[in-house]
Structures are given as C-alpha cells and as structure tokens.
C-alpha cells in the first residue's frame, strides 16, 4: 500500500513515474486523500491520480466521487472534480458524462476565475472522446461573458476558450465557431502581436 510520507516527500516531477507503479488497491486511499487538510499530501494525491488516469482506467470507478465535487462549496474541490472527470472521459464508455454535463459546464460561470480557467482547459481533454457533446460545449463556451471576468484574466480566459473551440473545429466545420473566433481576434481585446501569436497557436489566419 502507498504510504502518506512517501507520497508527501515524492518530488512533483517523479509522480508520473510513481503513478505507473502503484497498485489498483491504492486508488481508494488516494481518492480519500483528496480531502486531506495537508496541502502537499492532497495535491500530490491529486497529481498522482491525474497521471494514473492517463494510462489506466482504475481511477474511473470513482467517477461519482468526482461528480459530487462539482457541487462542493470549496473551489479547490470543484477544480479537482472538473480535472479528474476530464482525465477519465476517455474511459467513460458508458457515457456517464451525459448525466452530469450540465453540472460540469456550470463551472464555466464559477465565482473563481482560476476554477473557470481549469474547467475550460479540461474541456480540451474531453473533446476527442465525446464528439456528441461538441455543440453543447461550444455553445456554452461562446456564451461566457468575457467582460464580466476580472479584467486581468480576460485575455487568458478568452485564449483558453479559443483553444477549445479550435479543437472542436478540427472535427467538423462550424460557421458559428469561425464567426466567434473572428470577432474575438478583431474585437480589440488583443493587440496585433497577440493576434498573430494566437493565430499561430490555433493554426489559422483570420
């Protein structure tokens, strides 16, 4: 069984390798540590589960636990739920995500800008595996009121949105998405240099 001291003292860069060596029997304890008051233990447990989810499906059985976190009053727990659900979307062959997608997308309007960003960024992990949700995800992203977001974070949030929309657009053309991207890049929020950088990132020139 995994030891809390070992996990706490493992360097962040070594967690990916550690995730390959843990046993399936360790997963329940790691999930339990997600609510641990010890910041380092909780964070390392989260990172270990994230890395584990990339290659193995033995974190997926805790899907419902992560769903419950979406309703947490603690923004850190909401972020954990958002990220680990996205990490395990690839294993969700039963499409359980369909039952909670509204709760998931509700985090796009979270009171915490950092949680909003984590939700948007996590959607990019869902896109390849849940094509039937592309339109719903795109519509919710494009409905976000950028001007209601803290001024210092507006540009970064919009770049996050554009990145996910570009990922969706790779699977099928969408005039609505193209229009949104064009308006975002010409709306005055970005300077010319930033527009060029974003166009390179998106692989497109508007």
N, C-alpha and C. Protein backbone atom coordinates (compact mmCIF):
# COMPACT_ATOMS: atom_id res chain seq x y z
N UNK A 1 0.84 -1.20 0.00
CA UNK A 1 0.00 0.00 0.00
C UNK A 1 0.88 1.25 0.00
N UNK A 2 0.37 2.29 -0.65
CA UNK A 2 1.13 3.52 -0.72
C UNK A 2 1.14 4.20 0.65
N UNK A 3 2.27 4.79 0.98
CA UNK A 3 2.46 5.41 2.28
C UNK A 3 2.35 6.93 2.15
N UNK A 4 1.67 7.56 3.11
CA UNK A 4 1.45 9.01 3.03
C UNK A 4 2.76 9.79 3.06
N UNK A 5 3.73 9.31 3.84
CA UNK A 5 5.01 10.01 3.93
C UNK A 5 5.77 9.92 2.61
N UNK A 6 5.71 8.74 2.00
CA UNK A 6 6.39 8.57 0.71
C UNK A 6 5.77 9.51 -0.32
N UNK A 7 4.45 9.56 -0.34
CA UNK A 7 3.77 10.42 -1.31
C UNK A 7 4.06 11.89 -1.05
N UNK A 8 4.02 12.28 0.21
CA UNK A 8 4.25 13.67 0.58
C UNK A 8 5.66 14.13 0.19
N UNK A 9 6.61 13.22 0.30
CA UNK A 9 8.01 13.57 0.06
C UNK A 9 8.49 13.27 -1.36
N UNK A 10 7.60 12.74 -2.18
CA UNK A 10 7.97 12.48 -3.57
C UNK A 10 7.99 13.80 -4.34
N UNK A 11 9.04 14.01 -5.10
CA UNK A 11 9.13 15.23 -5.90
C UNK A 11 8.03 15.24 -6.96
N UNK A 12 7.53 16.42 -7.22
CA UNK A 12 6.44 16.58 -8.19
C UNK A 12 6.78 15.94 -9.53
N UNK A 13 8.01 16.12 -9.98
CA UNK A 13 8.42 15.59 -11.28
C UNK A 13 8.51 14.06 -11.30
N UNK A 14 8.50 13.43 -10.13
CA UNK A 14 8.61 11.97 -10.05
C UNK A 14 7.25 11.28 -9.93
N UNK A 15 6.18 12.07 -9.82
CA UNK A 15 4.86 11.49 -9.61
C UNK A 15 4.35 10.71 -10.82
N UNK A 16 4.74 11.15 -12.01
CA UNK A 16 4.30 10.44 -13.22
C UNK A 16 4.85 9.02 -13.23
N UNK A 17 6.10 8.88 -12.84
CA UNK A 17 6.71 7.54 -12.79
C UNK A 17 6.10 6.71 -11.67
N UNK A 18 5.86 7.35 -10.52
CA UNK A 18 5.25 6.65 -9.40
C UNK A 18 3.86 6.14 -9.75
N UNK A 19 3.14 6.89 -10.58
CA UNK A 19 1.77 6.50 -10.94
C UNK A 19 1.72 5.17 -11.69
N UNK A 20 2.82 4.79 -12.31
CA UNK A 20 2.88 3.53 -13.06
C UNK A 20 3.12 2.34 -12.15
N UNK A 21 3.59 2.60 -10.94
CA UNK A 21 3.99 1.50 -10.06
C UNK A 21 3.00 1.23 -8.93
N UNK A 22 2.05 2.14 -8.71
CA UNK A 22 1.10 1.91 -7.63
C UNK A 22 0.13 0.79 -8.01
N UNK A 23 -0.52 0.22 -7.01
CA UNK A 23 -1.49 -0.85 -7.22
C UNK A 23 -2.90 -0.27 -7.29
N UNK A 24 -3.78 -0.99 -7.95
CA UNK A 24 -5.18 -0.57 -8.02
C UNK A 24 -5.77 -0.43 -6.62
N UNK A 25 -5.27 -1.24 -5.69
CA UNK A 25 -5.75 -1.20 -4.30
C UNK A 25 -5.38 0.12 -3.61
N UNK A 26 -4.43 0.87 -4.20
CA UNK A 26 -4.02 2.15 -3.62
C UNK A 26 -4.98 3.28 -3.98
N UNK A 27 -5.76 3.10 -5.02
CA UNK A 27 -6.60 4.17 -5.53
C UNK A 27 -7.60 4.71 -4.49
N UNK A 28 -8.32 3.84 -3.77
CA UNK A 28 -9.28 4.38 -2.77
C UNK A 28 -8.61 5.31 -1.76
N UNK A 29 -7.40 4.97 -1.32
CA UNK A 29 -6.71 5.82 -0.36
C UNK A 29 -6.32 7.15 -0.98
N UNK A 30 -5.87 7.11 -2.22
CA UNK A 30 -5.51 8.35 -2.91
C UNK A 30 -6.73 9.26 -3.06
N UNK A 31 -7.86 8.67 -3.39
CA UNK A 31 -9.10 9.44 -3.54
C UNK A 31 -9.50 10.05 -2.19
N UNK A 32 -9.32 9.28 -1.13
CA UNK A 32 -9.64 9.78 0.22
C UNK A 32 -8.75 10.95 0.58
N UNK A 33 -7.50 10.92 0.16
CA UNK A 33 -6.56 11.99 0.48
C UNK A 33 -6.89 13.29 -0.26
N UNK A 34 -7.78 13.25 -1.21
CA UNK A 34 -8.17 14.46 -1.94
C UNK A 34 -8.86 15.47 -1.03
N UNK A 35 -9.34 15.02 0.12
CA UNK A 35 -9.97 15.93 1.08
C UNK A 35 -9.08 16.17 2.30
N UNK A 36 -7.86 15.70 2.21
CA UNK A 36 -6.90 15.86 3.31
C UNK A 36 -6.57 17.34 3.55
N UNK A 37 -6.44 17.74 4.80
CA UNK A 37 -6.11 19.12 5.13
C UNK A 37 -4.65 19.45 4.81
N UNK A 38 -3.80 18.44 4.83
CA UNK A 38 -2.40 18.62 4.49
C UNK A 38 -2.30 18.95 3.00
N UNK A 39 -1.95 20.21 2.70
CA UNK A 39 -1.94 20.67 1.31
C UNK A 39 -1.07 19.82 0.39
N UNK A 40 0.13 19.49 0.85
CA UNK A 40 1.06 18.76 0.00
C UNK A 40 0.58 17.35 -0.27
N UNK A 41 0.07 16.68 0.77
CA UNK A 41 -0.44 15.32 0.59
C UNK A 41 -1.63 15.32 -0.36
N UNK A 42 -2.54 16.28 -0.15
CA UNK A 42 -3.74 16.36 -1.00
C UNK A 42 -3.35 16.64 -2.45
N UNK A 43 -2.43 17.59 -2.65
CA UNK A 43 -2.02 17.96 -4.01
C UNK A 43 -1.29 16.82 -4.71
N UNK A 44 -0.43 16.14 -4.01
CA UNK A 44 0.32 15.03 -4.61
C UNK A 44 -0.61 13.85 -4.91
N UNK A 45 -1.60 13.64 -4.06
CA UNK A 45 -2.58 12.58 -4.33
C UNK A 45 -3.34 12.90 -5.61
N UNK A 46 -3.71 14.16 -5.75
CA UNK A 46 -4.41 14.62 -6.95
C UNK A 46 -3.55 14.42 -8.20
N UNK A 47 -2.30 14.86 -8.14
CA UNK A 47 -1.40 14.72 -9.29
C UNK A 47 -1.15 13.27 -9.64
N UNK A 48 -1.06 12.43 -8.62
CA UNK A 48 -0.83 11.01 -8.86
C UNK A 48 -2.04 10.38 -9.56
N UNK A 49 -3.24 10.76 -9.13
CA UNK A 49 -4.47 10.26 -9.77
C UNK A 49 -4.57 10.78 -11.20
N UNK A 50 -4.15 12.02 -11.40
CA UNK A 50 -4.18 12.58 -12.74
C UNK A 50 -3.25 11.82 -13.68
N UNK A 51 -2.03 11.59 -13.22
CA UNK A 51 -1.07 10.84 -14.03
C UNK A 51 -1.52 9.41 -14.26
N UNK A 52 -2.08 8.80 -13.23
CA UNK A 52 -2.57 7.42 -13.35
C UNK A 52 -3.67 7.31 -14.41
N UNK A 53 -4.53 8.32 -14.44
CA UNK A 53 -5.67 8.30 -15.36
C UNK A 53 -5.26 8.37 -16.83
N UNK A 54 -4.07 8.85 -17.08
CA UNK A 54 -3.60 8.96 -18.46
C UNK A 54 -3.43 7.60 -19.13
N UNK A 55 -3.05 6.59 -18.32
CA UNK A 55 -2.73 5.28 -18.91
C UNK A 55 -3.59 4.12 -18.42
N UNK A 56 -4.25 4.30 -17.27
CA UNK A 56 -5.01 3.20 -16.69
C UNK A 56 -6.43 3.64 -16.37
N UNK A 57 -7.35 2.67 -16.36
CA UNK A 57 -8.76 3.00 -16.12
C UNK A 57 -9.22 2.72 -14.69
N UNK A 58 -8.27 2.48 -13.77
CA UNK A 58 -8.68 2.10 -12.42
C UNK A 58 -9.02 3.28 -11.51
N UNK A 59 -8.95 4.50 -12.05
CA UNK A 59 -9.45 5.66 -11.31
C UNK A 59 -10.90 5.94 -11.70
N UNK A 60 -11.28 5.49 -12.87
CA UNK A 60 -12.63 5.73 -13.39
C UNK A 60 -13.75 5.24 -12.46
N UNK A 61 -13.59 4.12 -11.75
CA UNK A 61 -14.67 3.69 -10.84
C UNK A 61 -15.06 4.72 -9.79
N UNK A 62 -14.24 5.74 -9.61
CA UNK A 62 -14.54 6.79 -8.63
C UNK A 62 -15.18 8.01 -9.29
N UNK A 63 -15.68 7.78 -10.48
CA UNK A 63 -16.34 8.84 -11.26
C UNK A 63 -17.38 9.60 -10.44
N UNK A 64 -18.23 8.87 -9.74
CA UNK A 64 -19.29 9.52 -8.97
C UNK A 64 -18.75 10.41 -7.85
N UNK A 65 -17.62 10.02 -7.28
CA UNK A 65 -16.98 10.83 -6.25
C UNK A 65 -16.56 12.18 -6.84
N UNK A 66 -16.00 12.13 -8.04
CA UNK A 66 -15.56 13.35 -8.70
C UNK A 66 -16.76 14.21 -9.11
N UNK A 67 -17.85 13.56 -9.49
CA UNK A 67 -19.07 14.29 -9.84
C UNK A 67 -19.58 15.09 -8.65
N UNK A 68 -19.54 14.48 -7.48
CA UNK A 68 -20.01 15.16 -6.27
C UNK A 68 -19.20 16.40 -5.96
N UNK A 69 -17.95 16.38 -6.35
CA UNK A 69 -17.07 17.53 -6.08
C UNK A 69 -17.49 18.77 -6.87
N UNK A 70 -18.20 18.58 -7.95
CA UNK A 70 -18.67 19.72 -8.73
C UNK A 70 -19.61 20.60 -7.92
N UNK A 71 -20.25 20.00 -6.92
CA UNK A 71 -21.21 20.73 -6.09
C UNK A 71 -20.58 21.25 -4.80
N UNK A 72 -19.29 21.03 -4.61
CA UNK A 72 -18.63 21.41 -3.37
C UNK A 72 -18.63 22.93 -3.18
N UNK A 73 -18.68 23.36 -1.93
CA UNK A 73 -18.59 24.79 -1.63
C UNK A 73 -17.14 25.27 -1.67
N UNK A 74 -16.22 24.31 -1.78
CA UNK A 74 -14.79 24.60 -1.82
C UNK A 74 -14.32 24.62 -3.28
N UNK A 75 -13.78 25.74 -3.72
CA UNK A 75 -13.39 25.87 -5.12
C UNK A 75 -12.28 24.89 -5.50
N UNK A 76 -11.40 24.58 -4.55
CA UNK A 76 -10.32 23.64 -4.83
C UNK A 76 -10.91 22.26 -5.15
N UNK A 77 -11.94 21.86 -4.40
CA UNK A 77 -12.58 20.58 -4.63
C UNK A 77 -13.34 20.58 -5.96
N UNK A 78 -13.94 21.72 -6.31
CA UNK A 78 -14.61 21.81 -7.61
C UNK A 78 -13.60 21.63 -8.74
N UNK A 79 -12.44 22.24 -8.57
CA UNK A 79 -11.39 22.10 -9.59
C UNK A 79 -10.92 20.66 -9.71
N UNK A 80 -10.75 19.99 -8.58
CA UNK A 80 -10.35 18.59 -8.59
C UNK A 80 -11.37 17.77 -9.36
N UNK A 81 -12.66 18.01 -9.09
CA UNK A 81 -13.70 17.27 -9.78
C UNK A 81 -13.67 17.49 -11.27
N UNK A 82 -13.56 18.74 -11.67
CA UNK A 82 -13.53 19.11 -13.09
C UNK A 82 -12.37 18.42 -13.81
N UNK A 83 -11.20 18.48 -13.22
CA UNK A 83 -9.99 17.95 -13.88
C UNK A 83 -9.99 16.43 -13.94
N UNK A 84 -10.34 15.78 -12.84
CA UNK A 84 -10.29 14.31 -12.84
C UNK A 84 -11.42 13.71 -13.68
N UNK A 85 -12.54 14.38 -13.79
CA UNK A 85 -13.59 13.90 -14.70
C UNK A 85 -13.10 13.98 -16.14
N UNK A 86 -12.44 15.08 -16.48
CA UNK A 86 -11.91 15.24 -17.83
C UNK A 86 -10.83 14.19 -18.12
N UNK A 87 -9.97 13.94 -17.13
CA UNK A 87 -8.91 12.95 -17.30
C UNK A 87 -9.47 11.56 -17.55
N UNK A 88 -10.66 11.29 -17.01
CA UNK A 88 -11.24 9.95 -17.13
C UNK A 88 -12.33 9.84 -18.19
N UNK A 89 -12.54 10.92 -18.95
CA UNK A 89 -13.54 10.89 -20.01
C UNK A 89 -13.20 9.80 -21.04
N UNK A 90 -11.93 9.55 -21.25
CA UNK A 90 -11.50 8.54 -22.23
C UNK A 90 -11.94 7.14 -21.83
N UNK A 91 -12.15 6.90 -20.52
CA UNK A 91 -12.56 5.59 -20.03
C UNK A 91 -14.08 5.50 -19.86
N UNK A 92 -14.78 6.58 -20.13
CA UNK A 92 -16.22 6.64 -19.90
C UNK A 92 -17.00 6.07 -21.08
N UNK A 93 -16.88 4.78 -21.27
CA UNK A 93 -17.55 4.12 -22.41
C UNK A 93 -19.06 4.07 -22.23
N UNK A 94 -19.52 4.22 -21.00
CA UNK A 94 -20.97 4.21 -20.73
C UNK A 94 -21.58 5.59 -20.90
N UNK A 95 -20.77 6.57 -21.23
CA UNK A 95 -21.21 7.95 -21.39
C UNK A 95 -21.95 8.48 -20.16
N UNK A 96 -21.39 8.19 -19.00
CA UNK A 96 -21.95 8.74 -17.77
C UNK A 96 -21.88 10.27 -17.76
N UNK A 97 -20.95 10.79 -18.52
CA UNK A 97 -20.78 12.24 -18.57
C UNK A 97 -22.04 12.94 -19.05
N UNK A 98 -22.86 12.24 -19.85
CA UNK A 98 -24.09 12.85 -20.35
C UNK A 98 -25.00 13.29 -19.21
N UNK A 99 -24.94 12.55 -18.10
CA UNK A 99 -25.82 12.84 -16.97
C UNK A 99 -25.37 14.03 -16.14
N UNK A 100 -24.11 14.41 -16.30
CA UNK A 100 -23.59 15.49 -15.45
C UNK A 100 -23.00 16.65 -16.26
N UNK A 101 -23.16 16.61 -17.58
CA UNK A 101 -22.52 17.64 -18.41
C UNK A 101 -23.02 19.04 -18.06
N UNK A 102 -24.30 19.18 -17.69
CA UNK A 102 -24.81 20.49 -17.31
C UNK A 102 -24.15 21.00 -16.04
N UNK A 103 -23.97 20.11 -15.06
CA UNK A 103 -23.28 20.49 -13.82
C UNK A 103 -21.84 20.86 -14.11
N UNK A 104 -21.22 20.11 -15.03
CA UNK A 104 -19.83 20.37 -15.41
C UNK A 104 -19.70 21.74 -16.05
N UNK A 105 -20.55 22.01 -17.04
CA UNK A 105 -20.45 23.27 -17.78
C UNK A 105 -20.87 24.46 -16.93
N UNK A 106 -21.60 24.21 -15.86
CA UNK A 106 -21.98 25.29 -14.95
C UNK A 106 -20.75 25.92 -14.30
N UNK A 107 -19.68 25.12 -14.20
CA UNK A 107 -18.44 25.63 -13.60
C UNK A 107 -17.81 26.71 -14.48
N UNK A 108 -18.23 26.80 -15.74
CA UNK A 108 -17.73 27.85 -16.62
C UNK A 108 -18.13 29.24 -16.12
N UNK A 109 -19.10 29.27 -15.24
CA UNK A 109 -19.53 30.54 -14.65
C UNK A 109 -19.22 30.58 -13.16
N UNK A 110 -18.20 29.84 -12.76
CA UNK A 110 -17.82 29.78 -11.36
C UNK A 110 -17.38 31.16 -10.85
N UNK A 111 -17.53 31.35 -9.54
CA UNK A 111 -17.14 32.63 -8.94
C UNK A 111 -15.62 32.83 -8.92
N UNK A 112 -14.88 31.72 -9.03
CA UNK A 112 -13.42 31.79 -9.00
C UNK A 112 -12.86 31.73 -10.43
N UNK A 113 -12.24 32.79 -10.93
CA UNK A 113 -11.70 32.80 -12.29
C UNK A 113 -10.73 31.65 -12.57
N UNK A 114 -9.92 31.27 -11.58
CA UNK A 114 -8.96 30.18 -11.79
C UNK A 114 -9.69 28.86 -12.02
N UNK A 115 -10.83 28.67 -11.32
CA UNK A 115 -11.63 27.46 -11.50
C UNK A 115 -12.27 27.46 -12.88
N UNK A 116 -12.69 28.63 -13.33
CA UNK A 116 -13.24 28.76 -14.68
C UNK A 116 -12.19 28.35 -15.71
N UNK A 117 -10.97 28.85 -15.54
CA UNK A 117 -9.89 28.51 -16.48
C UNK A 117 -9.61 27.01 -16.48
N UNK A 118 -9.58 26.41 -15.31
CA UNK A 118 -9.31 24.98 -15.22
C UNK A 118 -10.41 24.17 -15.89
N UNK A 119 -11.64 24.65 -15.78
CA UNK A 119 -12.75 23.97 -16.43
C UNK A 119 -12.61 24.06 -17.95
N UNK A 120 -12.34 25.25 -18.44
CA UNK A 120 -12.19 25.43 -19.90
C UNK A 120 -11.05 24.57 -20.43
N UNK A 121 -9.90 24.64 -19.78
CA UNK A 121 -8.74 23.88 -20.22
C UNK A 121 -9.01 22.37 -20.19
N UNK A 122 -9.76 21.93 -19.20
CA UNK A 122 -10.05 20.50 -19.07
C UNK A 122 -10.97 20.01 -20.18
N UNK A 123 -11.81 20.89 -20.70
CA UNK A 123 -12.72 20.50 -21.77
C UNK A 123 -11.96 19.99 -22.99
N UNK A 124 -10.74 20.49 -23.18
CA UNK A 124 -9.95 20.06 -24.34
C UNK A 124 -9.60 18.58 -24.26
N UNK A 125 -9.55 18.05 -23.03
CA UNK A 125 -9.29 16.61 -22.86
C UNK A 125 -10.52 15.77 -23.17
N UNK A 126 -11.69 16.39 -23.05
CA UNK A 126 -12.95 15.68 -23.28
C UNK A 126 -13.28 15.61 -24.78
N UNK A 127 -12.90 16.66 -25.50
CA UNK A 127 -13.26 16.81 -26.92
C UNK A 127 -13.02 15.56 -27.77
N UNK A 128 -11.84 14.90 -27.69
CA UNK A 128 -11.58 13.75 -28.58
C UNK A 128 -12.48 12.54 -28.32
N UNK A 129 -13.05 12.45 -27.12
CA UNK A 129 -13.78 11.24 -26.74
C UNK A 129 -15.29 11.42 -26.67
N UNK A 130 -15.77 12.64 -26.73
CA UNK A 130 -17.20 12.90 -26.59
C UNK A 130 -17.68 13.83 -27.69
N UNK A 131 -17.59 13.35 -28.91
CA UNK A 131 -17.94 14.20 -30.06
C UNK A 131 -19.40 14.62 -30.05
N UNK A 132 -20.25 13.80 -29.45
CA UNK A 132 -21.67 14.14 -29.42
C UNK A 132 -21.96 15.33 -28.51
N UNK A 133 -20.97 15.75 -27.73
CA UNK A 133 -21.16 16.89 -26.83
C UNK A 133 -20.52 18.17 -27.37
N UNK A 134 -19.90 18.09 -28.54
CA UNK A 134 -19.18 19.23 -29.09
C UNK A 134 -20.05 20.49 -29.20
N UNK A 135 -21.24 20.34 -29.75
CA UNK A 135 -22.09 21.51 -29.96
C UNK A 135 -22.49 22.15 -28.63
N UNK A 136 -22.85 21.31 -27.66
CA UNK A 136 -23.26 21.83 -26.35
C UNK A 136 -22.10 22.54 -25.66
N UNK A 137 -20.92 21.93 -25.75
CA UNK A 137 -19.74 22.54 -25.13
C UNK A 137 -19.41 23.87 -25.81
N UNK A 138 -19.43 23.88 -27.15
CA UNK A 138 -19.11 25.10 -27.89
C UNK A 138 -20.09 26.22 -27.56
N UNK A 139 -21.37 25.89 -27.52
CA UNK A 139 -22.39 26.90 -27.23
C UNK A 139 -22.18 27.52 -25.85
N UNK A 140 -21.85 26.68 -24.87
CA UNK A 140 -21.64 27.19 -23.51
C UNK A 140 -20.39 28.07 -23.44
N UNK A 141 -19.35 27.65 -24.14
CA UNK A 141 -18.12 28.46 -24.15
C UNK A 141 -18.37 29.82 -24.78
N UNK A 142 -19.10 29.83 -25.87
CA UNK A 142 -19.33 31.08 -26.59
C UNK A 142 -20.33 31.99 -25.87
N UNK A 143 -21.01 31.45 -24.88
CA UNK A 143 -21.98 32.26 -24.13
C UNK A 143 -21.34 32.92 -22.90
N UNK A 144 -20.07 32.58 -22.62
CA UNK A 144 -19.40 33.18 -21.46
C UNK A 144 -19.24 34.69 -21.68
N UNK A 145 -19.62 35.45 -20.69
CA UNK A 145 -19.48 36.90 -20.74
C UNK A 145 -18.06 37.29 -20.33
N UNK A 146 -17.21 37.48 -21.30
CA UNK A 146 -15.81 37.79 -21.03
C UNK A 146 -15.65 39.07 -20.22
N UNK A 147 -16.49 40.05 -20.49
CA UNK A 147 -16.36 41.34 -19.81
C UNK A 147 -16.76 41.27 -18.34
N UNK A 148 -17.42 40.18 -17.94
CA UNK A 148 -17.80 40.01 -16.54
C UNK A 148 -16.67 39.39 -15.73
N UNK A 149 -15.62 38.94 -16.44
CA UNK A 149 -14.48 38.31 -15.78
C UNK A 149 -13.49 39.39 -15.34
N UNK A 150 -12.79 39.11 -14.27
CA UNK A 150 -11.78 40.04 -13.76
C UNK A 150 -10.90 40.51 -14.91
N UNK A 151 -10.69 41.81 -15.02
CA UNK A 151 -10.01 42.40 -16.17
C UNK A 151 -8.65 41.78 -16.46
N UNK A 152 -7.89 41.50 -15.41
CA UNK A 152 -6.54 40.96 -15.59
C UNK A 152 -6.54 39.54 -16.15
N UNK A 153 -7.71 38.87 -16.15
CA UNK A 153 -7.77 37.49 -16.61
C UNK A 153 -8.57 37.32 -17.90
N UNK A 154 -9.12 38.41 -18.42
CA UNK A 154 -9.98 38.31 -19.60
C UNK A 154 -9.26 37.71 -20.81
N UNK A 155 -8.06 38.20 -21.06
CA UNK A 155 -7.32 37.72 -22.23
C UNK A 155 -6.99 36.24 -22.12
N UNK A 156 -6.51 35.81 -20.95
CA UNK A 156 -6.12 34.42 -20.79
C UNK A 156 -7.33 33.48 -20.88
N UNK A 157 -8.46 33.92 -20.31
CA UNK A 157 -9.68 33.11 -20.39
C UNK A 157 -10.14 33.00 -21.84
N UNK A 158 -10.09 34.10 -22.57
CA UNK A 158 -10.51 34.08 -23.97
C UNK A 158 -9.59 33.19 -24.81
N UNK A 159 -8.30 33.23 -24.54
CA UNK A 159 -7.36 32.35 -25.25
C UNK A 159 -7.70 30.89 -24.96
N UNK A 160 -8.02 30.58 -23.71
CA UNK A 160 -8.43 29.21 -23.34
C UNK A 160 -9.65 28.78 -24.15
N UNK A 161 -10.63 29.68 -24.23
CA UNK A 161 -11.86 29.38 -24.98
C UNK A 161 -11.54 29.12 -26.44
N UNK A 162 -10.73 29.99 -27.03
CA UNK A 162 -10.39 29.84 -28.45
C UNK A 162 -9.67 28.52 -28.72
N UNK A 163 -8.83 28.11 -27.78
CA UNK A 163 -8.09 26.86 -27.94
C UNK A 163 -9.05 25.66 -27.99
N UNK A 164 -10.05 25.64 -27.12
CA UNK A 164 -11.02 24.55 -27.11
C UNK A 164 -11.90 24.58 -28.36
N UNK A 165 -12.32 25.77 -28.75
CA UNK A 165 -13.14 25.89 -29.96
C UNK A 165 -12.38 25.43 -31.20
N UNK A 166 -11.09 25.75 -31.24
CA UNK A 166 -10.25 25.31 -32.37
C UNK A 166 -10.15 23.80 -32.40
N UNK A 167 -10.08 23.18 -31.21
CA UNK A 167 -10.02 21.72 -31.12
C UNK A 167 -11.32 21.10 -31.64
N UNK A 168 -12.44 21.70 -31.30
CA UNK A 168 -13.74 21.21 -31.78
C UNK A 168 -13.83 21.37 -33.29
N UNK A 169 -13.36 22.50 -33.79
CA UNK A 169 -13.45 22.80 -35.22
C UNK A 169 -12.66 21.80 -36.07
N UNK A 170 -11.67 21.15 -35.48
CA UNK A 170 -10.88 20.17 -36.23
C UNK A 170 -11.73 18.96 -36.63
N UNK A 171 -12.79 18.70 -35.88
CA UNK A 171 -13.63 17.53 -36.17
C UNK A 171 -14.72 17.84 -37.18
N UNK A 172 -15.19 19.07 -37.21
CA UNK A 172 -16.17 19.45 -38.23
C UNK A 172 -16.25 20.98 -38.31
N UNK A 173 -16.50 21.45 -39.52
CA UNK A 173 -16.57 22.89 -39.74
C UNK A 173 -17.77 23.49 -39.01
N UNK A 174 -17.60 24.70 -38.54
CA UNK A 174 -18.69 25.38 -37.85
C UNK A 174 -18.60 26.87 -38.13
N UNK A 175 -19.58 27.37 -38.85
CA UNK A 175 -19.60 28.80 -39.17
C UNK A 175 -19.74 29.63 -37.89
N UNK A 176 -20.48 29.10 -36.95
CA UNK A 176 -20.71 29.81 -35.69
C UNK A 176 -19.39 29.98 -34.92
N UNK A 177 -18.60 28.90 -34.88
CA UNK A 177 -17.31 28.95 -34.20
C UNK A 177 -16.36 29.88 -34.95
N UNK A 178 -16.34 29.79 -36.29
CA UNK A 178 -15.47 30.66 -37.09
C UNK A 178 -15.79 32.14 -36.82
N UNK A 179 -17.08 32.44 -36.75
CA UNK A 179 -17.50 33.82 -36.50
C UNK A 179 -17.05 34.29 -35.12
N UNK A 180 -17.20 33.41 -34.14
CA UNK A 180 -16.80 33.75 -32.77
C UNK A 180 -15.30 34.03 -32.71
N UNK A 181 -14.50 33.15 -33.33
CA UNK A 181 -13.05 33.33 -33.32
C UNK A 181 -12.67 34.64 -34.01
N UNK A 182 -13.29 34.91 -35.15
CA UNK A 182 -13.00 36.15 -35.88
C UNK A 182 -13.32 37.37 -35.02
N UNK A 183 -14.48 37.37 -34.39
CA UNK A 183 -14.89 38.51 -33.56
C UNK A 183 -13.99 38.66 -32.33
N UNK A 184 -13.54 37.52 -31.79
CA UNK A 184 -12.66 37.56 -30.62
C UNK A 184 -11.32 38.20 -30.98
N UNK A 185 -10.81 37.88 -32.16
CA UNK A 185 -9.50 38.37 -32.57
C UNK A 185 -9.54 39.81 -33.09
N UNK A 186 -10.71 40.25 -33.48
CA UNK A 186 -10.82 41.62 -34.04
C UNK A 186 -11.59 42.56 -33.11
N UNK A 187 -11.92 42.08 -31.93
CA UNK A 187 -12.75 42.87 -31.02
C UNK A 187 -12.02 43.90 -30.20
N UNK A 188 -10.70 43.94 -30.30
CA UNK A 188 -9.94 44.97 -29.61
C UNK A 188 -9.34 44.54 -28.28
N UNK A 189 -9.62 43.32 -27.84
CA UNK A 189 -9.07 42.87 -26.56
C UNK A 189 -7.58 42.53 -26.71
N UNK A 190 -7.19 42.07 -27.91
CA UNK A 190 -5.80 41.70 -28.17
C UNK A 190 -5.13 42.72 -29.07
N UNK A 191 -3.83 42.97 -28.83
CA UNK A 191 -3.09 43.81 -29.76
C UNK A 191 -2.66 42.96 -30.96
N UNK A 192 -2.08 43.60 -31.96
CA UNK A 192 -1.74 42.90 -33.20
C UNK A 192 -0.77 41.74 -32.97
N UNK A 193 0.21 41.98 -32.10
CA UNK A 193 1.19 40.93 -31.80
C UNK A 193 0.51 39.72 -31.18
N UNK A 194 -0.40 39.97 -30.24
CA UNK A 194 -1.11 38.87 -29.58
C UNK A 194 -1.99 38.11 -30.58
N UNK A 195 -2.63 38.85 -31.49
CA UNK A 195 -3.47 38.22 -32.50
C UNK A 195 -2.65 37.25 -33.35
N UNK A 196 -1.47 37.70 -33.77
CA UNK A 196 -0.60 36.85 -34.58
C UNK A 196 -0.19 35.59 -33.81
N UNK A 197 0.14 35.75 -32.54
CA UNK A 197 0.53 34.61 -31.71
C UNK A 197 -0.62 33.62 -31.55
N UNK A 198 -1.81 34.16 -31.36
CA UNK A 198 -2.99 33.31 -31.19
C UNK A 198 -3.32 32.59 -32.49
N UNK A 199 -3.18 33.29 -33.60
CA UNK A 199 -3.44 32.67 -34.90
C UNK A 199 -2.49 31.51 -35.15
N UNK A 200 -1.23 31.67 -34.76
CA UNK A 200 -0.24 30.60 -34.90
C UNK A 200 -0.63 29.43 -34.00
N UNK A 201 -1.07 29.73 -32.78
CA UNK A 201 -1.47 28.69 -31.85
C UNK A 201 -2.67 27.91 -32.38
N UNK A 202 -3.61 28.64 -32.97
CA UNK A 202 -4.82 28.00 -33.49
C UNK A 202 -4.60 27.33 -34.84
N UNK A 203 -3.48 27.68 -35.47
CA UNK A 203 -3.21 27.11 -36.79
C UNK A 203 -4.09 27.70 -37.85
N UNK A 204 -4.44 28.98 -37.68
CA UNK A 204 -5.32 29.61 -38.64
C UNK A 204 -4.99 31.10 -38.75
N UNK A 205 -5.38 31.70 -39.85
CA UNK A 205 -5.23 33.14 -40.02
C UNK A 205 -6.61 33.66 -40.38
N UNK A 206 -7.11 34.60 -39.56
CA UNK A 206 -8.47 35.10 -39.78
C UNK A 206 -8.43 36.28 -40.76
